[in-house]
Amino acid sequence: MALSRAWERAKRSAFVTGAPVPAGADDILIQEDADRAGDQITVRAGRDLARYVRPAGGDFETGHPLDAPRRLTPGDIALLAGMNHARLPVRRKPVVALLPTGDELCEPGSTLGPDQILSTTTYGLKALFEQHGAEIRLLPIARDTPQALGDTLALANAADLIVTLGGASVGDHDLVQQVALGDGLDLAFYKVAMRPGKPLMAGRLGTSVLVGLPGNPVSAMVCGHVFLRPALDAFLGLAAQPLPRLSARLSHDVGANGGREHYMRAHLTPHEDGLTCEVFARQDSSLTSVFAAANGLAVRPIGDPARSAGERIEVIWL
């Protein structure tokens, strides 16, 4: 009869998973370990002896810290909702305007002429920057005239970050710096000693930061990782710091490096004793297929000598 009375109390208190434990009870008999006949229950032999009681405050208590600044994960958001926070102070997403340049460019899906190529890097960078917290504005392809470039650049008004693609080198049609300077660009630097990505420039244009990336697709994507991922972190209020570099063992010999720091496309494989790095043989900055196969960059310092299999080098996860 004691079990019968407990059953009546359970029914009255909607005693299901997640319900409060009835007064006077200190253990739970799960349904899978009981047989019911009318108002009587019989406990099965060999039942699970776990208590099945979760204590109040067992997950978190008042004052439980969630350190900031941080990039909120799905787990963080679930925890905050469980803490009954309906609204939180957060940084807004930085607005990034992507501006491809070049008479030769066409949008994907176009029918190409004999002297045209597809504008691919725009979409690779869009995906990368959205993954790291940005809101993207895709601007139309700017043709290789000062007027066309100036008109398109004006469409980037009020963006936090303007990223131009191509037109930053020294050819007759590389007009980005000329036009931006005419619009008031405060140039911070132009060219860096790195491969790929030498013709990189940056400065401030009005209230926006402007970064001019090279036109070669792999150069632009590498610079997007190395320079602009940390910039997006800074816009979001996170620590302003370079991408972390890890140590990895080479899986094969590599030759000496030259006069620029080289970010070589590579495949990183975790092992029990750390990472192994396979540097791809083909490193041309136009090879998007090689970049797509890479999950890391092997960083070779200026003048780095030839390295043998098993030696350690610095790498960056992509």
Protein backbone atom coordinates (compact mmCIF):
# COMPACT_ATOMS: atom_id res chain seq x y z
CA MET A 1 0.00 0.00 0.00
CA ALA A 2 2.91 2.35 0.59
CA LEU A 3 3.86 2.05 -3.04
CA SER A 4 0.25 2.65 -4.04
CA ARG A 5 0.15 5.89 -2.05
CA ALA A 6 3.46 7.00 -3.61
CA TRP A 7 1.98 6.32 -7.03
CA GLU A 8 -1.03 8.54 -6.22
CA ARG A 9 1.31 11.36 -5.14
CA ALA A 10 3.32 10.93 -8.31
CA LYS A 11 0.21 11.22 -10.50
CA ARG A 12 -0.96 14.33 -8.69
CA SER A 13 2.44 16.06 -9.07
CA ALA A 14 2.84 15.19 -12.78
CA PHE A 15 5.87 13.19 -11.75
CA VAL A 16 7.72 12.84 -15.05
CA THR A 17 11.30 13.49 -16.11
CA GLY A 18 12.27 17.00 -15.03
CA ALA A 19 9.54 17.36 -12.40
CA PRO A 20 10.39 18.25 -8.79
CA VAL A 21 10.91 15.31 -6.43
CA PRO A 22 7.79 14.84 -4.21
CA ALA A 23 8.16 15.85 -0.56
CA GLY A 24 9.51 13.02 1.51
CA ALA A 25 11.07 11.15 -1.43
CA ASP A 26 14.81 10.80 -1.85
CA ASP A 27 15.04 8.26 -4.67
CA ILE A 28 13.38 7.66 -8.04
CA LEU A 29 12.12 4.35 -9.35
CA ILE A 30 12.20 4.71 -13.12
CA GLN A 31 9.27 3.47 -15.16
CA GLU A 32 11.45 0.95 -16.97
CA ASP A 33 12.01 -0.88 -13.64
CA ALA A 34 8.35 -1.12 -12.57
CA ASP A 35 5.26 -3.01 -13.65
CA ARG A 36 1.84 -1.40 -13.12
CA ALA A 37 -1.47 -3.14 -12.61
CA GLY A 38 -4.20 -0.60 -11.91
CA ASP A 39 -3.11 1.37 -8.85
CA GLN A 40 -0.45 -1.15 -7.88
CA ILE A 41 3.17 -1.20 -9.01
CA THR A 42 5.66 -4.00 -8.65
CA VAL A 43 9.37 -3.31 -8.52
CA ARG A 44 11.30 -5.55 -10.87
CA ALA A 45 14.14 -7.65 -9.55
CA GLY A 46 17.61 -6.29 -10.25
CA ARG A 47 16.38 -2.74 -10.75
CA ASP A 48 18.74 0.12 -11.51
CA LEU A 49 19.89 1.48 -8.14
CA ALA A 50 20.84 4.93 -9.42
CA ARG A 51 18.98 7.72 -7.57
CA TYR A 52 17.93 9.65 -10.69
CA VAL A 53 17.75 12.87 -8.68
CA ARG A 54 19.51 15.98 -9.93
CA PRO A 55 20.23 18.45 -7.13
CA ALA A 56 19.17 22.08 -7.42
CA GLY A 57 22.23 24.14 -8.43
CA GLY A 58 24.03 21.07 -9.71
CA ASP A 59 24.52 22.66 -13.14
CA PHE A 60 25.23 26.28 -12.16
CA GLU A 61 24.55 28.63 -9.26
CA THR A 62 23.90 32.33 -8.87
CA GLY A 63 27.10 34.15 -9.80
CA HIS A 64 28.34 31.45 -12.17
CA PRO A 65 30.88 33.28 -14.40
CA LEU A 66 30.90 33.38 -18.19
CA ASP A 67 34.01 35.35 -19.03
CA ALA A 68 33.91 38.06 -21.70
CA PRO A 69 34.89 39.06 -24.29
CA ARG A 70 34.21 35.78 -26.04
CA ARG A 71 32.74 34.48 -29.26
CA LEU A 72 29.46 32.89 -28.17
CA THR A 73 29.14 29.22 -29.07
CA PRO A 74 25.84 27.32 -29.36
CA GLY A 75 26.65 25.81 -25.96
CA ASP A 76 27.15 29.28 -24.46
CA ILE A 77 23.80 30.42 -25.82
CA ALA A 78 22.01 27.36 -24.41
CA LEU A 79 23.64 27.98 -21.02
CA LEU A 80 22.68 31.67 -21.03
CA ALA A 81 19.08 30.80 -21.93
CA GLY A 82 19.09 28.32 -19.02
CA MET A 83 20.22 31.18 -16.79
CA ASN A 84 17.09 33.07 -17.91
CA HIS A 85 18.97 35.75 -19.83
CA ALA A 86 16.63 36.92 -22.60
CA ARG A 87 18.90 39.78 -23.73
CA LEU A 88 22.66 40.32 -23.54
CA PRO A 89 25.04 43.15 -24.42
CA VAL A 90 26.99 42.05 -27.51
CA ARG A 91 29.06 43.63 -30.26
CA ARG A 92 27.31 44.05 -33.58
CA LYS A 93 28.74 42.27 -36.58
CA PRO A 94 31.27 44.40 -38.48
CA VAL A 95 30.09 45.32 -41.97
CA VAL A 96 32.63 44.29 -44.62
CA ALA A 97 32.28 45.56 -48.19
CA LEU A 98 33.92 43.33 -50.80
CA LEU A 99 34.90 45.14 -54.00
CA PRO A 100 36.32 43.05 -56.87
CA THR A 101 38.10 44.94 -59.66
CA GLY A 102 39.11 44.13 -63.23
CA ASP A 103 37.80 44.27 -66.79
CA GLU A 104 38.55 40.56 -67.13
CA LEU A 105 36.22 39.46 -64.33
CA CYS A 106 32.79 37.88 -64.73
CA GLU A 107 30.37 36.61 -62.10
CA PRO A 108 30.03 32.84 -61.67
CA GLY A 109 27.33 31.53 -64.00
CA SER A 110 28.34 33.86 -66.83
CA THR A 111 29.32 32.81 -70.33
CA LEU A 112 33.01 33.65 -70.54
CA GLY A 113 34.66 35.45 -73.42
CA PRO A 114 38.14 34.48 -74.62
CA ASP A 115 39.87 36.97 -72.31
CA GLN A 116 37.67 36.65 -69.21
CA ILE A 117 37.95 34.83 -65.88
CA LEU A 118 35.51 34.23 -63.06
CA SER A 119 35.38 36.38 -59.95
CA THR A 120 35.95 33.58 -57.45
CA THR A 121 37.83 35.13 -54.55
CA THR A 122 34.92 37.38 -53.63
CA TYR A 123 32.85 34.35 -52.65
CA GLY A 124 35.68 32.56 -50.87
CA LEU A 125 36.32 35.64 -48.72
CA LYS A 126 32.59 36.14 -48.15
CA ALA A 127 32.35 32.63 -46.72
CA LEU A 128 35.50 33.10 -44.64
CA PHE A 129 34.46 36.45 -43.17
CA GLU A 130 30.90 35.32 -42.42
CA GLN A 131 32.34 32.31 -40.63
CA HIS A 132 34.26 34.72 -38.42
CA GLY A 133 31.41 37.05 -37.54
CA ALA A 134 31.13 39.63 -40.34
CA GLU A 135 28.13 40.95 -42.24
CA ILE A 136 29.04 41.10 -45.94
CA ARG A 137 28.11 43.63 -48.60
CA LEU A 138 28.97 42.35 -52.08
CA LEU A 139 29.70 45.26 -54.40
CA PRO A 140 29.58 45.01 -58.21
CA ILE A 141 32.76 44.37 -60.15
CA ALA A 142 34.55 47.68 -60.73
CA ARG A 143 35.94 48.15 -64.23
CA ASP A 144 39.48 49.37 -64.82
CA THR A 145 38.83 53.10 -65.07
CA PRO A 146 39.20 55.68 -62.30
CA GLN A 147 35.58 56.75 -62.75
CA ALA A 148 34.16 53.23 -62.51
CA LEU A 149 36.34 52.35 -59.54
CA GLY A 150 35.49 55.61 -57.75
CA ASP A 151 31.77 55.11 -58.30
CA THR A 152 31.88 51.57 -56.94
CA LEU A 153 34.07 52.58 -54.00
CA ALA A 154 31.43 55.16 -53.07
CA LEU A 155 28.95 52.29 -52.61
CA ALA A 156 31.07 51.04 -49.70
CA ASN A 157 30.17 54.14 -47.69
CA ALA A 158 29.78 53.46 -43.94
CA ALA A 159 31.23 49.93 -44.07
CA ASP A 160 33.54 49.18 -41.17
CA LEU A 161 36.00 47.43 -43.47
CA ILE A 162 36.41 47.82 -47.23
CA VAL A 163 38.30 45.01 -48.95
CA THR A 164 39.30 45.55 -52.56
CA LEU A 165 40.35 42.58 -54.66
CA GLY A 166 42.95 43.14 -57.37
CA GLY A 167 44.22 46.40 -58.78
CA ALA A 168 46.76 46.88 -55.98
CA SER A 169 49.97 46.08 -57.85
CA VAL A 170 51.99 48.19 -60.30
CA GLY A 171 50.37 47.58 -63.71
CA ASP A 172 48.70 50.23 -65.86
CA HIS A 173 45.28 49.01 -64.71
CA ASP A 174 46.14 48.77 -61.00
CA LEU A 175 44.19 51.84 -59.96
CA VAL A 176 42.94 51.08 -56.46
CA GLN A 177 45.61 53.00 -54.56
CA GLN A 178 45.46 55.98 -56.95
CA VAL A 179 41.69 56.30 -56.72
CA ALA A 180 41.57 55.69 -52.95
CA LEU A 181 44.28 58.30 -52.32
CA GLY A 182 42.26 60.75 -54.39
CA ASP A 183 39.27 60.02 -52.14
CA GLY A 184 41.31 60.78 -49.01
CA LEU A 185 42.90 57.42 -48.12
CA ASP A 186 45.37 57.72 -45.24
CA LEU A 187 47.74 54.99 -46.40
CA ALA A 188 49.33 53.02 -43.55
CA PHE A 189 51.50 50.66 -45.63
CA TYR A 190 51.92 49.21 -49.08
CA LYS A 191 53.64 45.88 -49.81
CA VAL A 192 54.74 43.26 -47.34
CA ALA A 193 57.64 40.80 -47.51
CA MET A 194 55.51 37.69 -47.80
CA ARG A 195 54.53 35.00 -50.31
CA PRO A 196 51.85 34.96 -51.52
CA GLY A 197 50.46 38.44 -50.96
CA LYS A 198 53.25 40.99 -51.52
CA PRO A 199 51.09 43.78 -53.08
CA LEU A 200 48.99 44.29 -49.95
CA MET A 201 48.00 47.75 -48.76
CA ALA A 202 45.99 49.16 -45.90
CA GLY A 203 44.87 52.49 -44.55
CA ARG A 204 41.88 54.47 -43.38
CA LEU A 205 39.31 55.94 -45.75
CA GLY A 206 36.92 58.21 -43.89
CA THR A 207 35.45 56.15 -41.06
CA SER A 208 36.34 52.85 -42.74
CA VAL A 209 39.43 50.70 -42.74
CA LEU A 210 40.47 49.87 -46.30
CA VAL A 211 42.57 46.82 -47.17
CA GLY A 212 43.66 46.22 -50.75
CA LEU A 213 44.28 42.53 -51.45
CA PRO A 214 46.14 41.07 -54.42
CA GLY A 215 44.15 39.77 -57.35
CA ASN A 216 45.58 36.25 -57.37
CA PRO A 217 42.95 34.13 -55.61
CA VAL A 218 45.27 32.21 -53.29
CA SER A 219 47.15 35.40 -52.38
CA ALA A 220 43.88 37.04 -51.40
CA MET A 221 42.68 34.04 -49.40
CA VAL A 222 45.97 33.69 -47.53
CA CYS A 223 45.94 37.40 -46.68
CA GLY A 224 42.30 37.04 -45.65
CA HIS A 225 43.34 34.48 -43.06
CA VAL A 226 46.62 36.05 -41.91
CA PHE A 227 45.52 39.69 -41.72
CA LEU A 228 41.75 39.98 -41.81
CA ARG A 229 40.67 37.21 -39.45
CA PRO A 230 42.55 39.00 -36.60
CA ALA A 231 41.07 42.32 -37.77
CA LEU A 232 37.54 40.90 -37.50
CA ASP A 233 38.33 39.68 -33.98
CA ALA A 234 39.36 43.23 -33.07
CA PHE A 235 36.13 44.65 -34.53
CA LEU A 236 34.21 42.15 -32.39
CA GLY A 237 35.99 43.25 -29.21
CA LEU A 238 38.12 40.12 -28.95
CA ALA A 239 41.87 40.13 -28.33
CA ALA A 240 43.79 41.80 -31.17
CA GLN A 241 46.48 39.23 -31.86
CA PRO A 242 47.90 37.19 -34.75
CA LEU A 243 46.59 33.78 -35.60
CA PRO A 244 48.16 31.19 -33.30
CA ARG A 245 51.12 29.27 -34.67
CA LEU A 246 51.71 25.65 -33.78
CA SER A 247 54.68 23.36 -34.17
CA ALA A 248 54.54 20.46 -36.62
CA ARG A 249 56.96 17.85 -37.92
CA LEU A 250 57.66 17.82 -41.64
CA SER A 251 56.64 14.63 -43.40
CA HIS A 252 59.26 15.18 -46.13
CA ASP A 253 62.20 17.37 -47.10
CA VAL A 254 61.58 20.96 -48.25
CA GLY A 255 63.95 23.35 -49.97
CA ALA A 256 65.38 26.63 -48.70
CA ASN A 257 63.19 29.74 -48.56
CA GLY A 258 64.00 33.06 -50.20
CA GLY A 259 63.67 36.72 -49.26
CA ARG A 260 60.01 36.77 -48.24
CA GLU A 261 58.16 34.94 -45.49
CA HIS A 262 56.37 32.11 -47.25
CA TYR A 263 52.94 30.83 -46.24
CA MET A 264 52.95 27.46 -47.96
CA ARG A 265 49.74 25.51 -48.47
CA ALA A 266 49.90 22.28 -46.52
CA HIS A 267 47.94 19.42 -45.02
CA LEU A 268 48.18 18.97 -41.24
CA THR A 269 47.53 15.59 -39.64
CA PRO A 270 47.18 15.15 -35.86
CA HIS A 271 49.03 12.26 -34.23
CA GLU A 272 49.55 11.17 -30.63
CA ASP A 273 52.92 12.96 -30.57
CA GLY A 274 51.67 16.13 -32.29
CA LEU A 275 51.07 17.43 -35.81
CA THR A 276 52.62 16.24 -39.05
CA CYS A 277 52.85 18.71 -41.93
CA GLU A 278 52.81 17.77 -45.60
CA VAL A 279 53.77 20.82 -47.69
CA PHE A 280 52.21 20.63 -51.14
CA ALA A 281 54.61 20.58 -54.08
CA ARG A 282 52.59 23.09 -56.13
CA GLN A 283 52.53 26.53 -54.50
CA ASP A 284 51.50 28.85 -57.38
CA SER A 285 49.20 31.60 -56.09
CA SER A 286 46.62 30.96 -58.81
CA LEU A 287 45.90 27.35 -57.79
CA THR A 288 42.59 27.41 -55.95
CA SER A 289 42.39 23.60 -56.09
CA VAL A 290 45.56 23.36 -54.01
CA PHE A 291 44.26 25.92 -51.51
CA ALA A 292 40.96 24.05 -51.24
CA ALA A 293 42.87 20.87 -50.36
CA ALA A 294 44.88 22.64 -47.64
CA ASN A 295 43.89 22.73 -43.99
CA GLY A 296 46.96 24.66 -42.89
CA LEU A 297 49.79 26.97 -43.82
CA ALA A 298 53.45 26.09 -43.26
CA VAL A 299 55.24 29.33 -42.33
CA ARG A 300 58.79 29.63 -43.65
CA PRO A 301 60.79 32.60 -42.31
CA ILE A 302 62.88 34.81 -44.59
CA GLY A 303 66.07 32.98 -45.52
CA ASP A 304 64.98 29.75 -43.83
CA PRO A 305 67.39 26.97 -44.86
CA ALA A 306 66.36 23.65 -46.38
CA ARG A 307 64.58 21.41 -43.91
CA SER A 308 64.61 17.63 -43.60
CA ALA A 309 61.75 15.26 -42.86
CA GLY A 310 61.14 15.15 -39.11
CA GLU A 311 62.26 18.73 -38.44
CA ARG A 312 59.78 21.08 -36.81
CA ILE A 313 58.32 24.15 -38.48
CA GLU A 314 55.60 26.63 -37.54
CA VAL A 315 52.12 26.11 -38.98
CA ILE A 316 48.74 27.86 -38.92
CA TRP A 317 45.43 25.97 -38.94
CA LEU A 318 42.99 27.21 -41.57
